[in-house]
Amino acid sequence: KTGHCLNDLLYRWQVGQLGMDLVAVVSNHE
């Protein structure tokens, strides 16, 4: 449920700071 790390990683991926292919996000909550 706590999303600060998720949001930070998504931003860094979006702007090209993390050279990875995001396959999926898995969660036990919606």
ModelCIF file with pLDDT and N, C-alpha, C, O atoms, coordinates in Angstrom:
data_MODEL
#
_entry.id   MODEL 
#
_entity.id                         1 
_entity.type                       polymer 
_entity.pdbx_number_of_molecules   1 
#
_entity_poly.entity_id                      1 
_entity_poly.type                           'polypeptide(L)' 
_entity_poly.nstd_linkage                   no 
_entity_poly.nstd_monomer                   no 
_entity_poly.pdbx_seq_one_letter_code       KTGHCLNDLLYRWQVGQLGMDLVAVVSNHE 
_entity_poly.pdbx_seq_one_letter_code_can   KTGHCLNDLLYRWQVGQLGMDLVAVVSNHE 
_entity_poly.pdbx_strand_id                 A 
#
loop_
_entity_poly_seq.entity_id 
_entity_poly_seq.num 
_entity_poly_seq.mon_id 
_entity_poly_seq.hetero 
1 1  LYS n 
1 2  THR n 
1 3  GLY n 
1 4  HIS n 
1 5  CYS n 
1 6  LEU n 
1 7  ASN n 
1 8  ASP n 
1 9  LEU n 
1 10 LEU n 
1 11 TYR n 
1 12 ARG n 
1 13 TRP n 
1 14 GLN n 
1 15 VAL n 
1 16 GLY n 
1 17 GLN n 
1 18 LEU n 
1 19 GLY n 
1 20 MET n 
1 21 ASP n 
1 22 LEU n 
1 23 VAL n 
1 24 ALA n 
1 25 VAL n 
1 26 VAL n 
1 27 SER n 
1 28 ASN n 
1 29 HIS n 
1 30 GLU n 
#
_struct_asym.id          A 
_struct_asym.entity_id   1 
#
loop_
_ma_qa_metric.id 
_ma_qa_metric.mode 
_ma_qa_metric.name 
_ma_qa_metric.software_group_id 
_ma_qa_metric.type 
1 global pLDDT . pLDDT 
2 local  pLDDT . pLDDT 
#
_ma_qa_metric_global.metric_id      1 
_ma_qa_metric_global.metric_value   97.67 
_ma_qa_metric_global.model_id       1 
_ma_qa_metric_global.ordinal_id     1 
#
loop_
_ma_qa_metric_local.label_asym_id 
_ma_qa_metric_local.label_comp_id 
_ma_qa_metric_local.label_seq_id 
_ma_qa_metric_local.metric_id 
_ma_qa_metric_local.metric_value 
_ma_qa_metric_local.model_id 
_ma_qa_metric_local.ordinal_id 
A LYS 1  2 97.00 1 1  
A THR 2  2 96.00 1 2  
A GLY 3  2 97.00 1 3  
A HIS 4  2 98.00 1 4  
A CYS 5  2 98.00 1 5  
A LEU 6  2 98.00 1 6  
A ASN 7  2 98.00 1 7  
A ASP 8  2 98.00 1 8  
A LEU 9  2 98.00 1 9  
A LEU 10 2 98.00 1 10 
A TYR 11 2 98.00 1 11 
A ARG 12 2 98.00 1 12 
A TRP 13 2 98.00 1 13 
A GLN 14 2 97.00 1 14 
A VAL 15 2 97.00 1 15 
A GLY 16 2 97.00 1 16 
A GLN 17 2 97.00 1 17 
A LEU 18 2 98.00 1 18 
A GLY 19 2 97.00 1 19 
A MET 20 2 98.00 1 20 
A ASP 21 2 98.00 1 21 
A LEU 22 2 98.00 1 22 
A VAL 23 2 98.00 1 23 
A ALA 24 2 98.00 1 24 
A VAL 25 2 98.00 1 25 
A VAL 26 2 98.00 1 26 
A SER 27 2 98.00 1 27 
A ASN 28 2 97.00 1 28 
A HIS 29 2 98.00 1 29 
A GLU 30 2 98.00 1 30 
#
loop_
_atom_site.group_PDB 
_atom_site.id 
_atom_site.type_symbol 
_atom_site.label_atom_id 
_atom_site.label_alt_id 
_atom_site.label_comp_id 
_atom_site.label_asym_id 
_atom_site.label_entity_id 
_atom_site.label_seq_id 
_atom_site.pdbx_PDB_ins_code 
_atom_site.Cartn_x 
_atom_site.Cartn_y 
_atom_site.Cartn_z 
_atom_site.occupancy 
_atom_site.B_iso_or_equiv 
_atom_site.pdbx_formal_charge 
_atom_site.auth_seq_id 
_atom_site.auth_comp_id 
_atom_site.auth_asym_id 
_atom_site.auth_atom_id 
_atom_site.pdbx_PDB_model_num 
ATOM 1   N N  . LYS A 1 1  ? 0.802  -1.225 0.000   1.00 97.00 ? 1  LYS A N  1 
ATOM 2   C CA . LYS A 1 1  ? 0.000  0.000  0.000   1.00 97.00 ? 1  LYS A CA 1 
ATOM 3   C C  . LYS A 1 1  ? 0.833  1.274  0.000   1.00 97.00 ? 1  LYS A C  1 
ATOM 4   O O  . LYS A 1 1  ? 0.363  2.320  -0.447  1.00 97.00 ? 1  LYS A O  1 
ATOM 5   N N  . THR A 1 2  ? 2.063  1.200  0.495   1.00 96.00 ? 2  THR A N  1 
ATOM 6   C CA . THR A 1 2  ? 2.909  2.392  0.610   1.00 96.00 ? 2  THR A CA 1 
ATOM 7   C C  . THR A 1 2  ? 3.711  2.568  -0.670  1.00 96.00 ? 2  THR A C  1 
ATOM 8   O O  . THR A 1 2  ? 4.460  1.673  -1.059  1.00 96.00 ? 2  THR A O  1 
ATOM 9   N N  . GLY A 1 3  ? 3.560  3.721  -1.332  1.00 97.00 ? 3  GLY A N  1 
ATOM 10  C CA . GLY A 1 3  ? 4.049  3.835  -2.702  1.00 97.00 ? 3  GLY A CA 1 
ATOM 11  C C  . GLY A 1 3  ? 5.226  4.740  -2.970  1.00 97.00 ? 3  GLY A C  1 
ATOM 12  O O  . GLY A 1 3  ? 5.512  5.016  -4.135  1.00 97.00 ? 3  GLY A O  1 
ATOM 13  N N  . HIS A 1 4  ? 5.940  5.230  -1.936  1.00 98.00 ? 4  HIS A N  1 
ATOM 14  C CA . HIS A 1 4  ? 6.999  6.188  -2.211  1.00 98.00 ? 4  HIS A CA 1 
ATOM 15  C C  . HIS A 1 4  ? 8.134  5.583  -3.022  1.00 98.00 ? 4  HIS A C  1 
ATOM 16  O O  . HIS A 1 4  ? 8.652  6.230  -3.932  1.00 98.00 ? 4  HIS A O  1 
ATOM 17  N N  . CYS A 1 5  ? 8.528  4.363  -2.711  1.00 98.00 ? 5  CYS A N  1 
ATOM 18  C CA . CYS A 1 5  ? 9.615  3.723  -3.471  1.00 98.00 ? 5  CYS A CA 1 
ATOM 19  C C  . CYS A 1 5  ? 9.157  3.389  -4.892  1.00 98.00 ? 5  CYS A C  1 
ATOM 20  O O  . CYS A 1 5  ? 9.908  3.576  -5.850  1.00 98.00 ? 5  CYS A O  1 
ATOM 21  N N  . LEU A 1 6  ? 7.940  2.901  -5.022  1.00 98.00 ? 6  LEU A N  1 
ATOM 22  C CA . LEU A 1 6  ? 7.396  2.615  -6.347  1.00 98.00 ? 6  LEU A CA 1 
ATOM 23  C C  . LEU A 1 6  ? 7.388  3.863  -7.210  1.00 98.00 ? 6  LEU A C  1 
ATOM 24  O O  . LEU A 1 6  ? 7.871  3.831  -8.342  1.00 98.00 ? 6  LEU A O  1 
ATOM 25  N N  . ASN A 1 7  ? 6.854  4.951  -6.703  1.00 98.00 ? 7  ASN A N  1 
ATOM 26  C CA . ASN A 1 7  ? 6.764  6.177  -7.489  1.00 98.00 ? 7  ASN A CA 1 
ATOM 27  C C  . ASN A 1 7  ? 8.133  6.723  -7.859  1.00 98.00 ? 7  ASN A C  1 
ATOM 28  O O  . ASN A 1 7  ? 8.328  7.229  -8.965  1.00 98.00 ? 7  ASN A O  1 
ATOM 29  N N  . ASP A 1 8  ? 9.073  6.621  -6.945  1.00 98.00 ? 8  ASP A N  1 
ATOM 30  C CA . ASP A 1 8  ? 10.431 7.088  -7.231  1.00 98.00 ? 8  ASP A CA 1 
ATOM 31  C C  . ASP A 1 8  ? 11.063 6.264  -8.348  1.00 98.00 ? 8  ASP A C  1 
ATOM 32  O O  . ASP A 1 8  ? 11.680 6.823  -9.255  1.00 98.00 ? 8  ASP A O  1 
ATOM 33  N N  . LEU A 1 9  ? 10.915 4.942  -8.291  1.00 98.00 ? 9  LEU A N  1 
ATOM 34  C CA . LEU A 1 9  ? 11.482 4.084  -9.330  1.00 98.00 ? 9  LEU A CA 1 
ATOM 35  C C  . LEU A 1 9  ? 10.800 4.323  -10.680 1.00 98.00 ? 9  LEU A C  1 
ATOM 36  O O  . LEU A 1 9  ? 11.465 4.346  -11.715 1.00 98.00 ? 9  LEU A O  1 
ATOM 37  N N  . LEU A 1 10 ? 9.486  4.500  -10.669 1.00 98.00 ? 10 LEU A N  1 
ATOM 38  C CA . LEU A 1 10 ? 8.773  4.770  -11.919 1.00 98.00 ? 10 LEU A CA 1 
ATOM 39  C C  . LEU A 1 10 ? 9.267  6.072  -12.554 1.00 98.00 ? 10 LEU A C  1 
ATOM 40  O O  . LEU A 1 10 ? 9.455  6.143  -13.769 1.00 98.00 ? 10 LEU A O  1 
ATOM 41  N N  . TYR A 1 11 ? 9.474  7.088  -11.738 1.00 98.00 ? 11 TYR A N  1 
ATOM 42  C CA . TYR A 1 11 ? 9.966  8.365  -12.277 1.00 98.00 ? 11 TYR A CA 1 
ATOM 43  C C  . TYR A 1 11 ? 11.372 8.216  -12.852 1.00 98.00 ? 11 TYR A C  1 
ATOM 44  O O  . TYR A 1 11 ? 11.641 8.669  -13.964 1.00 98.00 ? 11 TYR A O  1 
ATOM 45  N N  . ARG A 1 12 ? 12.262 7.587  -12.104 1.00 98.00 ? 12 ARG A N  1 
ATOM 46  C CA . ARG A 1 12 ? 13.639 7.425  -12.589 1.00 98.00 ? 12 ARG A CA 1 
ATOM 47  C C  . ARG A 1 12 ? 13.679 6.582  -13.859 1.00 98.00 ? 12 ARG A C  1 
ATOM 48  O O  . ARG A 1 12 ? 14.477 6.853  -14.757 1.00 98.00 ? 12 ARG A O  1 
ATOM 49  N N  . TRP A 1 13 ? 12.832 5.572  -13.942 1.00 98.00 ? 13 TRP A N  1 
ATOM 50  C CA . TRP A 1 13 ? 12.736 4.773  -15.165 1.00 98.00 ? 13 TRP A CA 1 
ATOM 51  C C  . TRP A 1 13 ? 12.209 5.615  -16.317 1.00 98.00 ? 13 TRP A C  1 
ATOM 52  O O  . TRP A 1 13 ? 12.727 5.547  -17.431 1.00 98.00 ? 13 TRP A O  1 
ATOM 53  N N  . GLN A 1 14 ? 11.180 6.408  -16.048 1.00 97.00 ? 14 GLN A N  1 
ATOM 54  C CA . GLN A 1 14 ? 10.548 7.219  -17.097 1.00 97.00 ? 14 GLN A CA 1 
ATOM 55  C C  . GLN A 1 14 ? 11.513 8.235  -17.694 1.00 97.00 ? 14 GLN A C  1 
ATOM 56  O O  . GLN A 1 14 ? 11.479 8.481  -18.900 1.00 97.00 ? 14 GLN A O  1 
ATOM 57  N N  . VAL A 1 15 ? 12.381 8.835  -16.861 1.00 97.00 ? 15 VAL A N  1 
ATOM 58  C CA . VAL A 1 15 ? 13.299 9.860  -17.359 1.00 97.00 ? 15 VAL A CA 1 
ATOM 59  C C  . VAL A 1 15 ? 14.628 9.278  -17.808 1.00 97.00 ? 15 VAL A C  1 
ATOM 60  O O  . VAL A 1 15 ? 15.530 10.029 -18.176 1.00 97.00 ? 15 VAL A O  1 
ATOM 61  N N  . GLY A 1 16 ? 14.773 7.958  -17.788 1.00 97.00 ? 16 GLY A N  1 
ATOM 62  C CA . GLY A 1 16 ? 15.962 7.320  -18.324 1.00 97.00 ? 16 GLY A CA 1 
ATOM 63  C C  . GLY A 1 16 ? 17.107 7.145  -17.361 1.00 97.00 ? 16 GLY A C  1 
ATOM 64  O O  . GLY A 1 16 ? 18.220 6.840  -17.789 1.00 97.00 ? 16 GLY A O  1 
ATOM 65  N N  . GLN A 1 17 ? 16.876 7.329  -16.059 1.00 97.00 ? 17 GLN A N  1 
ATOM 66  C CA . GLN A 1 17 ? 17.956 7.140  -15.088 1.00 97.00 ? 17 GLN A CA 1 
ATOM 67  C C  . GLN A 1 17 ? 18.209 5.671  -14.778 1.00 97.00 ? 17 GLN A C  1 
ATOM 68  O O  . GLN A 1 17 ? 19.288 5.313  -14.307 1.00 97.00 ? 17 GLN A O  1 
ATOM 69  N N  . LEU A 1 18 ? 17.231 4.827  -15.034 1.00 98.00 ? 18 LEU A N  1 
ATOM 70  C CA . LEU A 1 18 ? 17.370 3.395  -14.780 1.00 98.00 ? 18 LEU A CA 1 
ATOM 71  C C  . LEU A 1 18 ? 17.156 2.644  -16.086 1.00 98.00 ? 18 LEU A C  1 
ATOM 72  O O  . LEU A 1 18 ? 16.043 2.601  -16.611 1.00 98.00 ? 18 LEU A O  1 
ATOM 73  N N  . GLY A 1 19 ? 18.233 2.051  -16.609 1.00 97.00 ? 19 GLY A N  1 
ATOM 74  C CA . GLY A 1 19 ? 18.170 1.377  -17.899 1.00 97.00 ? 19 GLY A CA 1 
ATOM 75  C C  . GLY A 1 19 ? 17.630 -0.033 -17.781 1.00 97.00 ? 19 GLY A C  1 
ATOM 76  O O  . GLY A 1 19 ? 18.374 -1.008 -17.887 1.00 97.00 ? 19 GLY A O  1 
ATOM 77  N N  . MET A 1 20 ? 16.328 -0.131 -17.560 1.00 98.00 ? 20 MET A N  1 
ATOM 78  C CA . MET A 1 20 ? 15.700 -1.435 -17.388 1.00 98.00 ? 20 MET A CA 1 
ATOM 79  C C  . MET A 1 20 ? 14.375 -1.456 -18.129 1.00 98.00 ? 20 MET A C  1 
ATOM 80  O O  . MET A 1 20 ? 13.799 -0.409 -18.425 1.00 98.00 ? 20 MET A O  1 
ATOM 81  N N  . ASP A 1 21 ? 13.897 -2.658 -18.426 1.00 98.00 ? 21 ASP A N  1 
ATOM 82  C CA . ASP A 1 21 ? 12.571 -2.840 -19.002 1.00 98.00 ? 21 ASP A CA 1 
ATOM 83  C C  . ASP A 1 21 ? 11.638 -3.290 -17.890 1.00 98.00 ? 21 ASP A C  1 
ATOM 84  O O  . ASP A 1 21 ? 11.835 -4.347 -17.291 1.00 98.00 ? 21 ASP A O  1 
ATOM 85  N N  . LEU A 1 22 ? 10.613 -2.476 -17.616 1.00 98.00 ? 22 LEU A N  1 
ATOM 86  C CA . LEU A 1 22 ? 9.657  -2.815 -16.572 1.00 98.00 ? 22 LEU A CA 1 
ATOM 87  C C  . LEU A 1 22 ? 8.604  -3.753 -17.145 1.00 98.00 ? 22 LEU A C  1 
ATOM 88  O O  . LEU A 1 22 ? 7.769  -3.355 -17.957 1.00 98.00 ? 22 LEU A O  1 
ATOM 89  N N  . VAL A 1 23 ? 8.660  -4.997 -16.708 1.00 98.00 ? 23 VAL A N  1 
ATOM 90  C CA . VAL A 1 23 ? 7.743  -6.020 -17.199 1.00 98.00 ? 23 VAL A CA 1 
ATOM 91  C C  . VAL A 1 23 ? 6.370  -5.862 -16.575 1.00 98.00 ? 23 VAL A C  1 
ATOM 92  O O  . VAL A 1 23 ? 5.357  -5.938 -17.270 1.00 98.00 ? 23 VAL A O  1 
ATOM 93  N N  . ALA A 1 24 ? 6.330  -5.642 -15.261 1.00 98.00 ? 24 ALA A N  1 
ATOM 94  C CA . ALA A 1 24 ? 5.057  -5.555 -14.552 1.00 98.00 ? 24 ALA A CA 1 
ATOM 95  C C  . ALA A 1 24 ? 5.287  -5.024 -13.147 1.00 98.00 ? 24 ALA A C  1 
ATOM 96  O O  . ALA A 1 24 ? 6.402  -5.044 -12.627 1.00 98.00 ? 24 ALA A O  1 
ATOM 97  N N  . VAL A 1 25 ? 4.206  -4.551 -12.551 1.00 98.00 ? 25 VAL A N  1 
ATOM 98  C CA . VAL A 1 25 ? 4.170  -4.252 -11.126 1.00 98.00 ? 25 VAL A CA 1 
ATOM 99  C C  . VAL A 1 25 ? 3.187  -5.222 -10.491 1.00 98.00 ? 25 VAL A C  1 
ATOM 100 O O  . VAL A 1 25 ? 2.040  -5.328 -10.924 1.00 98.00 ? 25 VAL A O  1 
ATOM 101 N N  . VAL A 1 26 ? 3.640  -5.924 -9.469  1.00 98.00 ? 26 VAL A N  1 
ATOM 102 C CA . VAL A 1 26 ? 2.833  -6.922 -8.767  1.00 98.00 ? 26 VAL A CA 1 
ATOM 103 C C  . VAL A 1 26 ? 2.509  -6.381 -7.385  1.00 98.00 ? 26 VAL A C  1 
ATOM 104 O O  . VAL A 1 26 ? 3.379  -5.840 -6.703  1.00 98.00 ? 26 VAL A O  1 
ATOM 105 N N  . SER A 1 27 ? 1.251  -6.529 -6.974  1.00 98.00 ? 27 SER A N  1 
ATOM 106 C CA . SER A 1 27 ? 0.861  -6.052 -5.649  1.00 98.00 ? 27 SER A CA 1 
ATOM 107 C C  . SER A 1 27 ? -0.182 -6.973 -5.039  1.00 98.00 ? 27 SER A C  1 
ATOM 108 O O  . SER A 1 27 ? -0.962 -7.622 -5.736  1.00 98.00 ? 27 SER A O  1 
ATOM 109 N N  . ASN A 1 28 ? -0.169 -7.007 -3.712  1.00 97.00 ? 28 ASN A N  1 
ATOM 110 C CA . ASN A 1 28 ? -1.216 -7.724 -3.005  1.00 97.00 ? 28 ASN A CA 1 
ATOM 111 C C  . ASN A 1 28 ? -2.413 -6.831 -2.689  1.00 97.00 ? 28 ASN A C  1 
ATOM 112 O O  . ASN A 1 28 ? -3.344 -7.244 -1.996  1.00 97.00 ? 28 ASN A O  1 
ATOM 113 N N  . HIS A 1 29 ? -2.378 -5.611 -3.204  1.00 98.00 ? 29 HIS A N  1 
ATOM 114 C CA . HIS A 1 29 ? -3.491 -4.667 -3.077  1.00 98.00 ? 29 HIS A CA 1 
ATOM 115 C C  . HIS A 1 29 ? -3.721 -3.989 -4.424  1.00 98.00 ? 29 HIS A C  1 
ATOM 116 O O  . HIS A 1 29 ? -2.866 -4.036 -5.309  1.00 98.00 ? 29 HIS A O  1 
ATOM 117 N N  . GLU A 1 30 ? -4.884 -3.357 -4.568  1.00 98.00 ? 30 GLU A N  1 
ATOM 118 C CA . GLU A 1 30 ? -5.232 -2.654 -5.808  1.00 98.00 ? 30 GLU A CA 1 
ATOM 119 C C  . GLU A 1 30 ? -4.828 -1.176 -5.785  1.00 98.00 ? 30 GLU A C  1 
ATOM 120 O O  . GLU A 1 30 ? -5.057 -0.459 -6.759  1.00 98.00 ? 30 GLU A O  1 
#
